[in-house]
PDB file of N, CA and C in Angstrom:
ATOM      1  N   MET A   1     -10.331   2.000   6.275  1.00  0.00           N
ATOM      2  CA  MET A   1      -9.106   2.138   5.532  1.00  0.00           C
ATOM      3  C   MET A   1      -8.316   0.840   5.665  1.00  0.00           C
ATOM      4  N   HIS A   2      -7.778   0.359   4.563  1.00  0.00           N
ATOM      5  CA  HIS A   2      -7.002  -0.868   4.562  1.00  0.00           C
ATOM      6  C   HIS A   2      -5.520  -0.533   4.646  1.00  0.00           C
ATOM      7  N   HIS A   3      -4.825  -1.272   5.456  1.00  0.00           N
ATOM      8  CA  HIS A   3      -3.376  -1.124   5.549  1.00  0.00           C
ATOM      9  C   HIS A   3      -2.766  -2.477   5.252  1.00  0.00           C
ATOM     10  N   LEU A   4      -1.727  -2.488   4.479  1.00  0.00           N
ATOM     11  CA  LEU A   4      -1.063  -3.724   4.117  1.00  0.00           C
ATOM     12  C   LEU A   4       0.391  -3.636   4.525  1.00  0.00           C
ATOM     13  N   ALA A   5       0.797  -4.523   5.390  1.00  0.00           N
ATOM     14  CA  ALA A   5       2.202  -4.630   5.788  1.00  0.00           C
ATOM     15  C   ALA A   5       2.784  -3.273   6.160  1.00  0.00           C
ATOM     16  N   THR A   6       2.109  -2.572   7.060  1.00  0.00           N
ATOM     17  CA  THR A   6       2.622  -1.263   7.440  1.00  0.00           C
ATOM     18  C   THR A   6       3.950  -1.390   8.174  1.00  0.00           C
ATOM     19  N   ARG A   7       4.078  -2.341   9.010  1.00  0.00           N
ATOM     20  CA  ARG A   7       5.358  -2.653   9.654  1.00  0.00           C
ATOM     21  C   ARG A   7       5.395  -4.161   9.855  1.00  0.00           C
ATOM     22  N   SER A   8       6.470  -4.781   9.410  1.00  0.00           N
ATOM     23  CA  SER A   8       6.540  -6.230   9.497  1.00  0.00           C
ATOM     24  C   SER A   8       7.323  -6.664  10.725  1.00  0.00           C
ATOM     25  N   THR A   9       7.110  -7.918  11.099  1.00  0.00           N
ATOM     26  CA  THR A   9       7.850  -8.481  12.218  1.00  0.00           C
ATOM     27  C   THR A   9       9.238  -8.857  11.732  1.00  0.00           C
ATOM     28  N   ARG A  10      10.115  -9.169  12.663  1.00  0.00           N
ATOM     29  CA  ARG A  10      11.478  -9.538  12.272  1.00  0.00           C
ATOM     30  C   ARG A  10      11.462 -10.844  11.493  1.00  0.00           C
ATOM     31  N   MET A  11      12.251 -10.860  10.441  1.00  0.00           N
ATOM     32  CA  MET A  11      12.360 -12.042   9.608  1.00  0.00           C
ATOM     33  C   MET A  11      13.830 -12.401   9.483  1.00  0.00           C
ATOM     34  N   PRO A  12      14.121 -13.657   9.170  1.00  0.00           N
ATOM     35  CA  PRO A  12      15.530 -14.025   8.969  1.00  0.00           C
ATOM     36  C   PRO A  12      16.150 -13.181   7.857  1.00  0.00           C
ATOM     37  N   ASN A  13      17.456 -13.011   7.900  1.00  0.00           N
ATOM     38  CA  ASN A  13      18.146 -12.186   6.914  1.00  0.00           C
ATOM     39  C   ASN A  13      17.973 -12.682   5.487  1.00  0.00           C
ATOM     40  N   THR A  14      17.589 -13.952   5.321  1.00  0.00           N
ATOM     41  CA  THR A  14      17.401 -14.479   3.974  1.00  0.00           C
ATOM     42  C   THR A  14      16.160 -13.885   3.321  1.00  0.00           C
ATOM     43  N   TYR A  15      15.279 -13.310   4.118  1.00  0.00           N
ATOM     44  CA  TYR A  15      14.066 -12.684   3.594  1.00  0.00           C
ATOM     45  C   TYR A  15      14.156 -11.188   3.822  1.00  0.00           C
ATOM     46  N   LYS A  16      13.883 -10.424   2.793  1.00  0.00           N
ATOM     47  CA  LYS A  16      13.846  -8.973   2.951  1.00  0.00           C
ATOM     48  C   LYS A  16      12.397  -8.574   3.145  1.00  0.00           C
ATOM     49  N   SER A  17      12.120  -7.982   4.287  1.00  0.00           N
ATOM     50  CA  SER A  17      10.749  -7.546   4.515  1.00  0.00           C
ATOM     51  C   SER A  17      10.491  -6.296   3.682  1.00  0.00           C
ATOM     52  N   LYS A  18       9.322  -6.223   3.103  1.00  0.00           N
ATOM     53  CA  LYS A  18       8.955  -5.076   2.288  1.00  0.00           C
ATOM     54  C   LYS A  18       7.758  -4.403   2.927  1.00  0.00           C
ATOM     55  N   ILE A  19       7.797  -3.112   2.950  1.00  0.00           N
ATOM     56  CA  ILE A  19       6.688  -2.334   3.472  1.00  0.00           C
ATOM     57  C   ILE A  19       6.025  -1.660   2.283  1.00  0.00           C
ATOM     58  N   TYR A  20       4.732  -1.837   2.164  1.00  0.00           N
ATOM     59  CA  TYR A  20       3.975  -1.245   1.070  1.00  0.00           C
ATOM     60  C   TYR A  20       3.068  -0.151   1.601  1.00  0.00           C
ATOM     61  N   LEU A  21       2.972   0.918   0.839  1.00  0.00           N
ATOM     62  CA  LEU A  21       2.149   2.056   1.209  1.00  0.00           C
ATOM     63  C   LEU A  21       0.891   2.095   0.347  1.00  0.00           C
ATOM     64  N   SER A  22      -0.231   2.365   0.977  1.00  0.00           N
ATOM     65  CA  SER A  22      -1.454   2.612   0.218  1.00  0.00           C
ATOM     66  C   SER A  22      -1.337   4.004  -0.408  1.00  0.00           C
ATOM     67  N   PHE A  23      -2.270   4.351  -1.276  1.00  0.00           N
ATOM     68  CA  PHE A  23      -2.209   5.671  -1.896  1.00  0.00           C
ATOM     69  C   PHE A  23      -2.283   6.770  -0.833  1.00  0.00           C
ATOM     70  N   CYS A  24      -3.169   6.607   0.139  1.00  0.00           N
ATOM     71  CA  CYS A  24      -3.302   7.632   1.196  1.00  0.00           C
ATOM     72  C   CYS A  24      -2.011   7.776   1.993  1.00  0.00           C
ATOM     73  N   GLN A  25      -1.346   6.663   2.285  1.00  0.00           N
ATOM     74  CA  GLN A  25      -0.082   6.716   3.012  1.00  0.00           C
ATOM     75  C   GLN A  25       1.004   7.374   2.155  1.00  0.00           C
ATOM     76  N   LEU A  26       1.022   7.050   0.863  1.00  0.00           N
ATOM     77  CA  LEU A  26       1.977   7.667  -0.055  1.00  0.00           C
ATOM     78  C   LEU A  26       1.741   9.172  -0.133  1.00  0.00           C
ATOM     79  N   GLN A  27       0.491   9.547  -0.268  1.00  0.00           N
ATOM     80  CA  GLN A  27       0.128  10.962  -0.351  1.00  0.00           C
ATOM     81  C   GLN A  27       0.600  11.705   0.895  1.00  0.00           C
ATOM     82  N   SER A  28       0.405  11.105   2.051  1.00  0.00           N
ATOM     83  CA  SER A  28       0.847  11.716   3.308  1.00  0.00           C
ATOM     84  C   SER A  28       2.375  11.839   3.345  1.00  0.00           C
ATOM     85  N   LYS A  29       3.058  10.789   2.916  1.00  0.00           N
ATOM     86  CA  LYS A  29       4.527  10.793   2.919  1.00  0.00           C
ATOM     87  C   LYS A  29       5.078  11.878   1.997  1.00  0.00           C
ATOM     88  N   LEU A  30       4.329  12.179   0.934  1.00  0.00           N
ATOM     89  CA  LEU A  30       4.762  13.191  -0.028  1.00  0.00           C
ATOM     90  C   LEU A  30       4.213  14.577   0.303  1.00  0.00           C
ATOM     91  N   GLY A  31       3.774  14.779   1.516  1.00  0.00           N
ATOM     92  CA  GLY A  31       3.354  16.105   1.961  1.00  0.00           C
ATOM     93  C   GLY A  31       1.981  16.520   1.487  1.00  0.00           C
ATOM     94  N   GLY A  32       1.114  15.550   1.226  1.00  0.00           N
ATOM     95  CA  GLY A  32      -0.246  15.885   0.819  1.00  0.00           C
ATOM     96  C   GLY A  32      -0.395  16.220  -0.651  1.00  0.00           C
ATOM     97  N   ARG A  33       0.524  15.755  -1.484  1.00  0.00           N
ATOM     98  CA  ARG A  33       0.443  16.021  -2.932  1.00  0.00           C
ATOM     99  C   ARG A  33      -0.837  15.458  -3.508  1.00  0.00           C
ATOM    100  N   GLY A  34      -1.308  16.051  -4.555  1.00  0.00           N
ATOM    101  CA  GLY A  34      -2.547  15.635  -5.202  1.00  0.00           C
ATOM    102  C   GLY A  34      -2.386  14.356  -6.007  1.00  0.00           C
ATOM    103  N   ARG A  35      -3.503  13.703  -6.239  1.00  0.00           N
ATOM    104  CA  ARG A  35      -3.528  12.449  -6.990  1.00  0.00           C
ATOM    105  C   ARG A  35      -2.919  12.624  -8.385  1.00  0.00           C
ATOM    106  N   SER A  36      -3.340  13.651  -9.107  1.00  0.00           N
ATOM    107  CA  SER A  36      -2.835  13.836 -10.472  1.00  0.00           C
ATOM    108  C   SER A  36      -1.334  14.133 -10.473  1.00  0.00           C
ATOM    109  N   SER A  37      -0.838  14.858  -9.486  1.00  0.00           N
ATOM    110  CA  SER A  37       0.598  15.144  -9.397  1.00  0.00           C
ATOM    111  C   SER A  37       1.400  13.872  -9.151  1.00  0.00           C
ATOM    112  N   ILE A  38       0.881  13.015  -8.287  1.00  0.00           N
ATOM    113  CA  ILE A  38       1.577  11.761  -7.988  1.00  0.00           C
ATOM    114  C   ILE A  38       1.613  10.871  -9.222  1.00  0.00           C
ATOM    115  N   TYR A  39       0.469  10.700  -9.891  1.00  0.00           N
ATOM    116  CA  TYR A  39       0.447   9.850 -11.079  1.00  0.00           C
ATOM    117  C   TYR A  39       1.261  10.447 -12.227  1.00  0.00           C
ATOM    118  N   ARG A  40       1.343  11.759 -12.325  1.00  0.00           N
ATOM    119  CA  ARG A  40       2.193  12.392 -13.329  1.00  0.00           C
ATOM    120  C   ARG A  40       3.655  12.042 -13.047  1.00  0.00           C
ATOM    121  N   ASP A  41       4.066  12.103 -11.769  1.00  0.00           N
ATOM    122  CA  ASP A  41       5.436  11.739 -11.403  1.00  0.00           C
ATOM    123  C   ASP A  41       5.722  10.271 -11.699  1.00  0.00           C
ATOM    124  N   VAL A  42       4.725   9.405 -11.511  1.00  0.00           N
ATOM    125  CA  VAL A  42       4.888   7.990 -11.865  1.00  0.00           C
ATOM    126  C   VAL A  42       5.092   7.867 -13.373  1.00  0.00           C
ATOM    127  N   ASP A  43       4.245   8.539 -14.154  1.00  0.00           N
ATOM    128  CA  ASP A  43       4.348   8.484 -15.622  1.00  0.00           C
ATOM    129  C   ASP A  43       5.688   9.025 -16.130  1.00  0.00           C
ATOM    130  N   LEU A  44       6.224  10.031 -15.449  1.00  0.00           N
ATOM    131  CA  LEU A  44       7.497  10.628 -15.849  1.00  0.00           C
ATOM    132  C   LEU A  44       8.709   9.881 -15.296  1.00  0.00           C
ATOM    133  N   GLY A  45       8.467   8.857 -14.475  1.00  0.00           N
ATOM    134  CA  GLY A  45       9.559   8.065 -13.918  1.00  0.00           C
ATOM    135  C   GLY A  45      10.189   8.654 -12.674  1.00  0.00           C
ATOM    136  N   ARG A  46       9.600   9.717 -12.141  1.00  0.00           N
ATOM    137  CA  ARG A  46      10.141  10.321 -10.915  1.00  0.00           C
ATOM    138  C   ARG A  46       9.763   9.531  -9.674  1.00  0.00           C
ATOM    139  N   LEU A  47       8.666   8.787  -9.755  1.00  0.00           N
ATOM    140  CA  LEU A  47       8.237   7.881  -8.686  1.00  0.00           C
ATOM    141  C   LEU A  47       8.074   6.494  -9.291  1.00  0.00           C
ATOM    142  N   PRO A  48       8.322   5.455  -8.491  1.00  0.00           N
ATOM    143  CA  PRO A  48       8.169   4.093  -9.013  1.00  0.00           C
ATOM    144  C   PRO A  48       6.707   3.751  -9.269  1.00  0.00           C
ATOM    145  N   LYS A  49       6.497   2.794 -10.165  1.00  0.00           N
ATOM    146  CA  LYS A  49       5.143   2.338 -10.450  1.00  0.00           C
ATOM    147  C   LYS A  49       4.629   1.526  -9.268  1.00  0.00           C
ATOM    148  N   PRO A  50       3.330   1.597  -9.027  1.00  0.00           N
ATOM    149  CA  PRO A  50       2.758   0.809  -7.934  1.00  0.00           C
ATOM    150  C   PRO A  50       2.647  -0.663  -8.309  1.00  0.00           C
ATOM    151  N   VAL A  51       2.442  -1.475  -7.283  1.00  0.00           N
ATOM    152  CA  VAL A  51       2.221  -2.909  -7.437  1.00  0.00           C
ATOM    153  C   VAL A  51       0.753  -3.163  -7.138  1.00  0.00           C
ATOM    154  N   LYS A  52       0.104  -3.954  -7.966  1.00  0.00           N
ATOM    155  CA  LYS A  52      -1.304  -4.262  -7.729  1.00  0.00           C
ATOM    156  C   LYS A  52      -1.395  -5.525  -6.885  1.00  0.00           C
ATOM    157  N   LEU A  53      -1.982  -5.390  -5.721  1.00  0.00           N
ATOM    158  CA  LEU A  53      -2.225  -6.517  -4.827  1.00  0.00           C
ATOM    159  C   LEU A  53      -3.727  -6.620  -4.643  1.00  0.00           C
ATOM    160  N   GLY A  54      -4.313  -7.657  -5.204  1.00  0.00           N
ATOM    161  CA  GLY A  54      -5.760  -7.747  -5.205  1.00  0.00           C
ATOM    162  C   GLY A  54      -6.300  -6.681  -6.131  1.00  0.00           C
ATOM    163  N   SER A  55      -7.223  -5.904  -5.636  1.00  0.00           N
ATOM    164  CA  SER A  55      -7.798  -4.841  -6.460  1.00  0.00           C
ATOM    165  C   SER A  55      -7.214  -3.467  -6.125  1.00  0.00           C
ATOM    166  N   ARG A  56      -6.198  -3.427  -5.275  1.00  0.00           N
ATOM    167  CA  ARG A  56      -5.634  -2.153  -4.824  1.00  0.00           C
ATOM    168  C   ARG A  56      -4.195  -1.978  -5.281  1.00  0.00           C
ATOM    169  N   LEU A  57      -3.761  -0.736  -5.328  1.00  0.00           N
ATOM    170  CA  LEU A  57      -2.388  -0.400  -5.694  1.00  0.00           C
ATOM    171  C   LEU A  57      -1.601  -0.016  -4.447  1.00  0.00           C
ATOM    172  N   TYR A  58      -0.360  -0.481  -4.404  1.00  0.00           N
ATOM    173  CA  TYR A  58       0.532  -0.175  -3.281  1.00  0.00           C
ATOM    174  C   TYR A  58       1.903   0.175  -3.824  1.00  0.00           C
ATOM    175  N   TRP A  59       2.615   1.011  -3.087  1.00  0.00           N
ATOM    176  CA  TRP A  59       3.963   1.423  -3.459  1.00  0.00           C
ATOM    177  C   TRP A  59       4.949   0.890  -2.443  1.00  0.00           C
ATOM    178  N   ASN A  60       6.087   0.388  -2.930  1.00  0.00           N
ATOM    179  CA  ASN A  60       7.145  -0.104  -2.067  1.00  0.00           C
ATOM    180  C   ASN A  60       7.801   1.104  -1.391  1.00  0.00           C
ATOM    181  N   GLU A  61       7.774   1.109  -0.071  1.00  0.00           N
ATOM    182  CA  GLU A  61       8.276   2.271   0.663  1.00  0.00           C
ATOM    183  C   GLU A  61       9.759   2.519   0.422  1.00  0.00           C
ATOM    184  N   ALA A  62      10.560   1.469   0.317  1.00  0.00           N
ATOM    185  CA  ALA A  62      11.996   1.647   0.076  1.00  0.00           C
ATOM    186  C   ALA A  62      12.235   2.307  -1.280  1.00  0.00           C
ATOM    187  N   GLU A  63      11.440   1.937  -2.290  1.00  0.00           N
ATOM    188  CA  GLU A  63      11.572   2.551  -3.614  1.00  0.00           C
ATOM    189  C   GLU A  63      11.145   4.018  -3.587  1.00  0.00           C
ATOM    190  N   ILE A  64      10.109   4.323  -2.816  1.00  0.00           N
ATOM    191  CA  ILE A  64       9.673   5.709  -2.671  1.00  0.00           C
ATOM    192  C   ILE A  64      10.754   6.531  -1.986  1.00  0.00           C
ATOM    193  N   ASP A  65      11.325   5.984  -0.909  1.00  0.00           N
ATOM    194  CA  ASP A  65      12.397   6.691  -0.190  1.00  0.00           C
ATOM    195  C   ASP A  65      13.582   6.962  -1.108  1.00  0.00           C
ATOM    196  N   ALA A  66      13.935   5.974  -1.951  1.00  0.00           N
ATOM    197  CA  ALA A  66      15.045   6.149  -2.883  1.00  0.00           C
ATOM    198  C   ALA A  66      14.722   7.231  -3.913  1.00  0.00           C
ATOM    199  N   ALA A  67      13.487   7.250  -4.391  1.00  0.00           N
ATOM    200  CA  ALA A  67      13.079   8.269  -5.369  1.00  0.00           C
ATOM    201  C   ALA A  67      13.141   9.661  -4.752  1.00  0.00           C
ATOM    202  N   ILE A  68      12.728   9.780  -3.505  1.00  0.00           N
ATOM    203  CA  ILE A  68      12.782  11.070  -2.813  1.00  0.00           C
ATOM    204  C   ILE A  68      14.234  11.510  -2.670  1.00  0.00           C
ATOM    205  N   GLU A  69      15.105  10.579  -2.305  1.00  0.00           N
ATOM    206  CA  GLU A  69      16.532  10.900  -2.157  1.00  0.00           C
ATOM    207  C   GLU A  69      17.118  11.350  -3.501  1.00  0.00           C
ATOM    208  N   ASN A  70      16.748  10.672  -4.584  1.00  0.00           N
ATOM    209  CA  ASN A  70      17.265  11.034  -5.903  1.00  0.00           C
ATOM    210  C   ASN A  70      16.809  12.420  -6.321  1.00  0.00           C
ATOM    211  N   GLN A  71      15.577  12.778  -5.977  1.00  0.00           N
ATOM    212  CA  GLN A  71      15.058  14.104  -6.328  1.00  0.00           C
ATOM    213  C   GLN A  71      15.741  15.196  -5.511  1.00  0.00           C
ATOM    214  N   ALA A  72      16.127  14.859  -4.267  1.00  0.00           N
ATOM    215  CA  ALA A  72      16.766  15.835  -3.384  1.00  0.00           C
ATOM    216  C   ALA A  72      18.220  16.080  -3.761  1.00  0.00           C
ATOM    217  N   ALA A  73      18.812  15.122  -4.453  1.00  0.00           N
ATOM    218  CA  ALA A  73      20.254  15.221  -4.784  1.00  0.00           C
ATOM    219  C   ALA A  73      20.508  16.186  -5.929  1.00  0.00           C
TER     220      ALA A  73
END
């Protein structure tokens, strides 16, 4: 399993560290939701679109957290 920037080291305030989630990490964060449910939420704008890094897709964790907060409100 590949992990990308799961937790970053401290950086100067001029740089905002970003944490990206793989699909498996996103699925776990969303309580084990299915692939089709997650992509449907992306298509409907309820979840942010992933970023392609190399040949893989990753989701910005801060954007996911914000989307979860918006759905809970």
